[in-house]
Amino acid sequence: MRNWNDEGQTAVEYLGIIAVVVAIVLAITGTDIGQQIYDAIVEQIDEVIG
């Protein structure tokens, strides 16, 4: 019986997750809601910094 080696599988899974995150970020930044989220984050950062 042959034992398959799956040591490299984790790296491929991480690349897949990164690709999904990048796709989501690109989709959000290309819409009005993305700008609203960005503005809210900047506003909160400014509030914390003073």
PDB file of N, CA and C in Angstrom:
ATOM      1  N   MET A   1       0.846  -1.170   0.000  1.00  0.00           N
ATOM      2  CA  MET A   1       0.000   0.000   0.000  1.00  0.00           C
ATOM      3  C   MET A   1       0.895   1.238   0.000  1.00  0.00           C
ATOM      4  N   ARG A   2       0.445   2.254  -0.688  1.00  0.00           N
ATOM      5  CA  ARG A   2       1.241   3.466  -0.843  1.00  0.00           C
ATOM      6  C   ARG A   2       0.731   4.550   0.105  1.00  0.00           C
ATOM      7  N   ASN A   3       1.643   5.205   0.820  1.00  0.00           N
ATOM      8  CA  ASN A   3       1.283   6.323   1.689  1.00  0.00           C
ATOM      9  C   ASN A   3       1.542   7.630   0.949  1.00  0.00           C
ATOM     10  N   TRP A   4       0.519   8.434   0.818  1.00  0.00           N
ATOM     11  CA  TRP A   4       0.664   9.717   0.125  1.00  0.00           C
ATOM     12  C   TRP A   4       1.192  10.761   1.092  1.00  0.00           C
ATOM     13  N   ASN A   5       2.091  11.584   0.610  1.00  0.00           N
ATOM     14  CA  ASN A   5       2.694  12.640   1.412  1.00  0.00           C
ATOM     15  C   ASN A   5       1.951  13.942   1.140  1.00  0.00           C
ATOM     16  N   ASP A   6       1.392  14.534   2.182  1.00  0.00           N
ATOM     17  CA  ASP A   6       0.636  15.773   2.000  1.00  0.00           C
ATOM     18  C   ASP A   6       1.263  16.951   2.741  1.00  0.00           C
ATOM     19  N   GLU A   7       2.580  16.962   2.859  1.00  0.00           N
ATOM     20  CA  GLU A   7       3.258  18.038   3.575  1.00  0.00           C
ATOM     21  C   GLU A   7       3.056  19.395   2.913  1.00  0.00           C
ATOM     22  N   GLY A   8       3.017  19.468   1.606  1.00  0.00           N
ATOM     23  CA  GLY A   8       2.864  20.732   0.895  1.00  0.00           C
ATOM     24  C   GLY A   8       1.437  21.232   0.823  1.00  0.00           C
ATOM     25  N   GLN A   9       0.516  20.452   1.311  1.00  0.00           N
ATOM     26  CA  GLN A   9      -0.893  20.813   1.207  1.00  0.00           C
ATOM     27  C   GLN A   9      -1.201  22.087   1.984  1.00  0.00           C
ATOM     28  N   THR A  10      -0.592  22.283   3.128  1.00  0.00           N
ATOM     29  CA  THR A  10      -0.872  23.454   3.949  1.00  0.00           C
ATOM     30  C   THR A  10      -0.537  24.734   3.207  1.00  0.00           C
ATOM     31  N   ALA A  11       0.577  24.769   2.506  1.00  0.00           N
ATOM     32  CA  ALA A  11       0.965  25.963   1.755  1.00  0.00           C
ATOM     33  C   ALA A  11      -0.072  26.282   0.686  1.00  0.00           C
ATOM     34  N   VAL A  12      -0.568  25.272   0.014  1.00  0.00           N
ATOM     35  CA  VAL A  12      -1.579  25.484  -1.022  1.00  0.00           C
ATOM     36  C   VAL A  12      -2.866  26.016  -0.401  1.00  0.00           C
ATOM     37  N   GLU A  13      -3.239  25.502   0.751  1.00  0.00           N
ATOM     38  CA  GLU A  13      -4.438  25.980   1.431  1.00  0.00           C
ATOM     39  C   GLU A  13      -4.289  27.437   1.836  1.00  0.00           C
ATOM     40  N   TYR A  14      -3.126  27.818   2.357  1.00  0.00           N
ATOM     41  CA  TYR A  14      -2.887  29.215   2.715  1.00  0.00           C
ATOM     42  C   TYR A  14      -2.976  30.116   1.488  1.00  0.00           C
ATOM     43  N   LEU A  15      -2.419  29.690   0.372  1.00  0.00           N
ATOM     44  CA  LEU A  15      -2.501  30.486  -0.853  1.00  0.00           C
ATOM     45  C   LEU A  15      -3.947  30.651  -1.301  1.00  0.00           C
ATOM     46  N   GLY A  16      -4.743  29.614  -1.135  1.00  0.00           N
ATOM     47  CA  GLY A  16      -6.158  29.702  -1.479  1.00  0.00           C
ATOM     48  C   GLY A  16      -6.892  30.705  -0.610  1.00  0.00           C
ATOM     49  N   ILE A  17      -6.605  30.679   0.679  1.00  0.00           N
ATOM     50  CA  ILE A  17      -7.228  31.630   1.603  1.00  0.00           C
ATOM     51  C   ILE A  17      -6.821  33.051   1.252  1.00  0.00           C
ATOM     52  N   ILE A  18      -5.541  33.253   0.968  1.00  0.00           N
ATOM     53  CA  ILE A  18      -5.058  34.584   0.601  1.00  0.00           C
ATOM     54  C   ILE A  18      -5.746  35.063  -0.673  1.00  0.00           C
ATOM     55  N   ALA A  19      -5.909  34.187  -1.640  1.00  0.00           N
ATOM     56  CA  ALA A  19      -6.571  34.562  -2.894  1.00  0.00           C
ATOM     57  C   ALA A  19      -8.015  34.987  -2.648  1.00  0.00           C
ATOM     58  N   VAL A  20      -8.717  34.283  -1.774  1.00  0.00           N
ATOM     59  CA  VAL A  20     -10.100  34.639  -1.457  1.00  0.00           C
ATOM     60  C   VAL A  20     -10.157  35.990  -0.761  1.00  0.00           C
ATOM     61  N   VAL A  21      -9.265  36.221   0.197  1.00  0.00           N
ATOM     62  CA  VAL A  21      -9.239  37.498   0.916  1.00  0.00           C
ATOM     63  C   VAL A  21      -8.958  38.645  -0.051  1.00  0.00           C
ATOM     64  N   VAL A  22      -7.995  38.462  -0.942  1.00  0.00           N
ATOM     65  CA  VAL A  22      -7.674  39.502  -1.924  1.00  0.00           C
ATOM     66  C   VAL A  22      -8.885  39.784  -2.814  1.00  0.00           C
ATOM     67  N   ALA A  23      -9.581  38.748  -3.240  1.00  0.00           N
ATOM     68  CA  ALA A  23     -10.766  38.933  -4.083  1.00  0.00           C
ATOM     69  C   ALA A  23     -11.848  39.716  -3.347  1.00  0.00           C
ATOM     70  N   ILE A  24     -12.046  39.411  -2.069  1.00  0.00           N
ATOM     71  CA  ILE A  24     -13.049  40.127  -1.270  1.00  0.00           C
ATOM     72  C   ILE A  24     -12.652  41.587  -1.110  1.00  0.00           C
ATOM     73  N   VAL A  25     -11.385  41.838  -0.797  1.00  0.00           N
ATOM     74  CA  VAL A  25     -10.913  43.218  -0.619  1.00  0.00           C
ATOM     75  C   VAL A  25     -11.084  44.004  -1.915  1.00  0.00           C
ATOM     76  N   LEU A  26     -10.739  43.406  -3.040  1.00  0.00           N
ATOM     77  CA  LEU A  26     -10.896  44.094  -4.324  1.00  0.00           C
ATOM     78  C   LEU A  26     -12.364  44.381  -4.621  1.00  0.00           C
ATOM     79  N   ALA A  27     -13.240  43.454  -4.290  1.00  0.00           N
ATOM     80  CA  ALA A  27     -14.669  43.659  -4.523  1.00  0.00           C
ATOM     81  C   ALA A  27     -15.212  44.776  -3.645  1.00  0.00           C
ATOM     82  N   ILE A  28     -14.765  44.829  -2.398  1.00  0.00           N
ATOM     83  CA  ILE A  28     -15.252  45.856  -1.472  1.00  0.00           C
ATOM     84  C   ILE A  28     -14.724  47.232  -1.855  1.00  0.00           C
ATOM     85  N   THR A  29     -13.456  47.313  -2.227  1.00  0.00           N
ATOM     86  CA  THR A  29     -12.878  48.620  -2.543  1.00  0.00           C
ATOM     87  C   THR A  29     -13.448  49.197  -3.832  1.00  0.00           C
ATOM     88  N   GLY A  30     -14.044  48.385  -4.662  1.00  0.00           N
ATOM     89  CA  GLY A  30     -14.624  48.870  -5.908  1.00  0.00           C
ATOM     90  C   GLY A  30     -16.074  49.287  -5.786  1.00  0.00           C
ATOM     91  N   THR A  31     -16.625  49.330  -4.581  1.00  0.00           N
ATOM     92  CA  THR A  31     -18.028  49.691  -4.391  1.00  0.00           C
ATOM     93  C   THR A  31     -18.146  50.862  -3.431  1.00  0.00           C
ATOM     94  N   ASP A  32     -19.342  51.448  -3.370  1.00  0.00           N
ATOM     95  CA  ASP A  32     -19.586  52.558  -2.445  1.00  0.00           C
ATOM     96  C   ASP A  32     -19.477  52.101  -0.999  1.00  0.00           C
ATOM     97  N   ILE A  33     -19.915  50.887  -0.715  1.00  0.00           N
ATOM     98  CA  ILE A  33     -19.834  50.383   0.658  1.00  0.00           C
ATOM     99  C   ILE A  33     -18.387  50.283   1.102  1.00  0.00           C
ATOM    100  N   GLY A  34     -17.510  49.982   0.172  1.00  0.00           N
ATOM    101  CA  GLY A  34     -16.087  49.933   0.495  1.00  0.00           C
ATOM    102  C   GLY A  34     -15.580  51.287   0.945  1.00  0.00           C
ATOM    103  N   GLN A  35     -16.011  52.343   0.271  1.00  0.00           N
ATOM    104  CA  GLN A  35     -15.603  53.698   0.657  1.00  0.00           C
ATOM    105  C   GLN A  35     -16.190  54.061   2.011  1.00  0.00           C
ATOM    106  N   GLN A  36     -17.412  53.658   2.276  1.00  0.00           N
ATOM    107  CA  GLN A  36     -18.039  53.936   3.570  1.00  0.00           C
ATOM    108  C   GLN A  36     -17.293  53.226   4.696  1.00  0.00           C
ATOM    109  N   ILE A  37     -16.903  51.988   4.458  1.00  0.00           N
ATOM    110  CA  ILE A  37     -16.141  51.239   5.463  1.00  0.00           C
ATOM    111  C   ILE A  37     -14.801  51.911   5.703  1.00  0.00           C
ATOM    112  N   TYR A  38     -14.127  52.300   4.623  1.00  0.00           N
ATOM    113  CA  TYR A  38     -12.833  52.975   4.742  1.00  0.00           C
ATOM    114  C   TYR A  38     -12.978  54.273   5.535  1.00  0.00           C
ATOM    115  N   ASP A  39     -13.991  55.074   5.214  1.00  0.00           N
ATOM    116  CA  ASP A  39     -14.206  56.336   5.922  1.00  0.00           C
ATOM    117  C   ASP A  39     -14.467  56.103   7.409  1.00  0.00           C
ATOM    118  N   ALA A  40     -15.251  55.076   7.737  1.00  0.00           N
ATOM    119  CA  ALA A  40     -15.544  54.774   9.137  1.00  0.00           C
ATOM    120  C   ALA A  40     -14.285  54.348   9.879  1.00  0.00           C
ATOM    121  N   ILE A  41     -13.441  53.563   9.234  1.00  0.00           N
ATOM    122  CA  ILE A  41     -12.191  53.126   9.867  1.00  0.00           C
ATOM    123  C   ILE A  41     -11.279  54.315  10.105  1.00  0.00           C
ATOM    124  N   VAL A  42     -11.142  55.174   9.099  1.00  0.00           N
ATOM    125  CA  VAL A  42     -10.288  56.359   9.242  1.00  0.00           C
ATOM    126  C   VAL A  42     -10.819  57.265  10.344  1.00  0.00           C
ATOM    127  N   GLU A  43     -12.131  57.416  10.416  1.00  0.00           N
ATOM    128  CA  GLU A  43     -12.740  58.242  11.455  1.00  0.00           C
ATOM    129  C   GLU A  43     -12.426  57.694  12.846  1.00  0.00           C
ATOM    130  N   GLN A  44     -12.525  56.381  13.009  1.00  0.00           N
ATOM    131  CA  GLN A  44     -12.226  55.769  14.302  1.00  0.00           C
ATOM    132  C   GLN A  44     -10.752  55.915  14.656  1.00  0.00           C
ATOM    133  N   ILE A  45      -9.881  55.765  13.681  1.00  0.00           N
ATOM    134  CA  ILE A  45      -8.442  55.925  13.932  1.00  0.00           C
ATOM    135  C   ILE A  45      -8.151  57.356  14.356  1.00  0.00           C
ATOM    136  N   ASP A  46      -8.750  58.332  13.663  1.00  0.00           N
ATOM    137  CA  ASP A  46      -8.549  59.736  14.029  1.00  0.00           C
ATOM    138  C   ASP A  46      -9.051  60.013  15.437  1.00  0.00           C
ATOM    139  N   GLU A  47     -10.163  59.382  15.807  1.00  0.00           N
ATOM    140  CA  GLU A  47     -10.726  59.569  17.143  1.00  0.00           C
ATOM    141  C   GLU A  47      -9.787  59.014  18.218  1.00  0.00           C
ATOM    142  N   VAL A  48      -9.166  57.876  17.941  1.00  0.00           N
ATOM    143  CA  VAL A  48      -8.255  57.257  18.905  1.00  0.00           C
ATOM    144  C   VAL A  48      -6.967  58.072  19.017  1.00  0.00           C
ATOM    145  N   ILE A  49      -6.458  58.513  17.874  1.00  0.00           N
ATOM    146  CA  ILE A  49      -5.202  59.271  17.873  1.00  0.00           C
ATOM    147  C   ILE A  49      -5.401  60.651  18.479  1.00  0.00           C
ATOM    148  N   GLY A  50      -6.531  61.252  18.235  1.00  0.00           N
ATOM    149  CA  GLY A  50      -6.823  62.548  18.839  1.00  0.00           C
ATOM    150  C   GLY A  50      -6.769  63.600  17.846  1.00  0.00           C
TER     151      GLY A  50
END
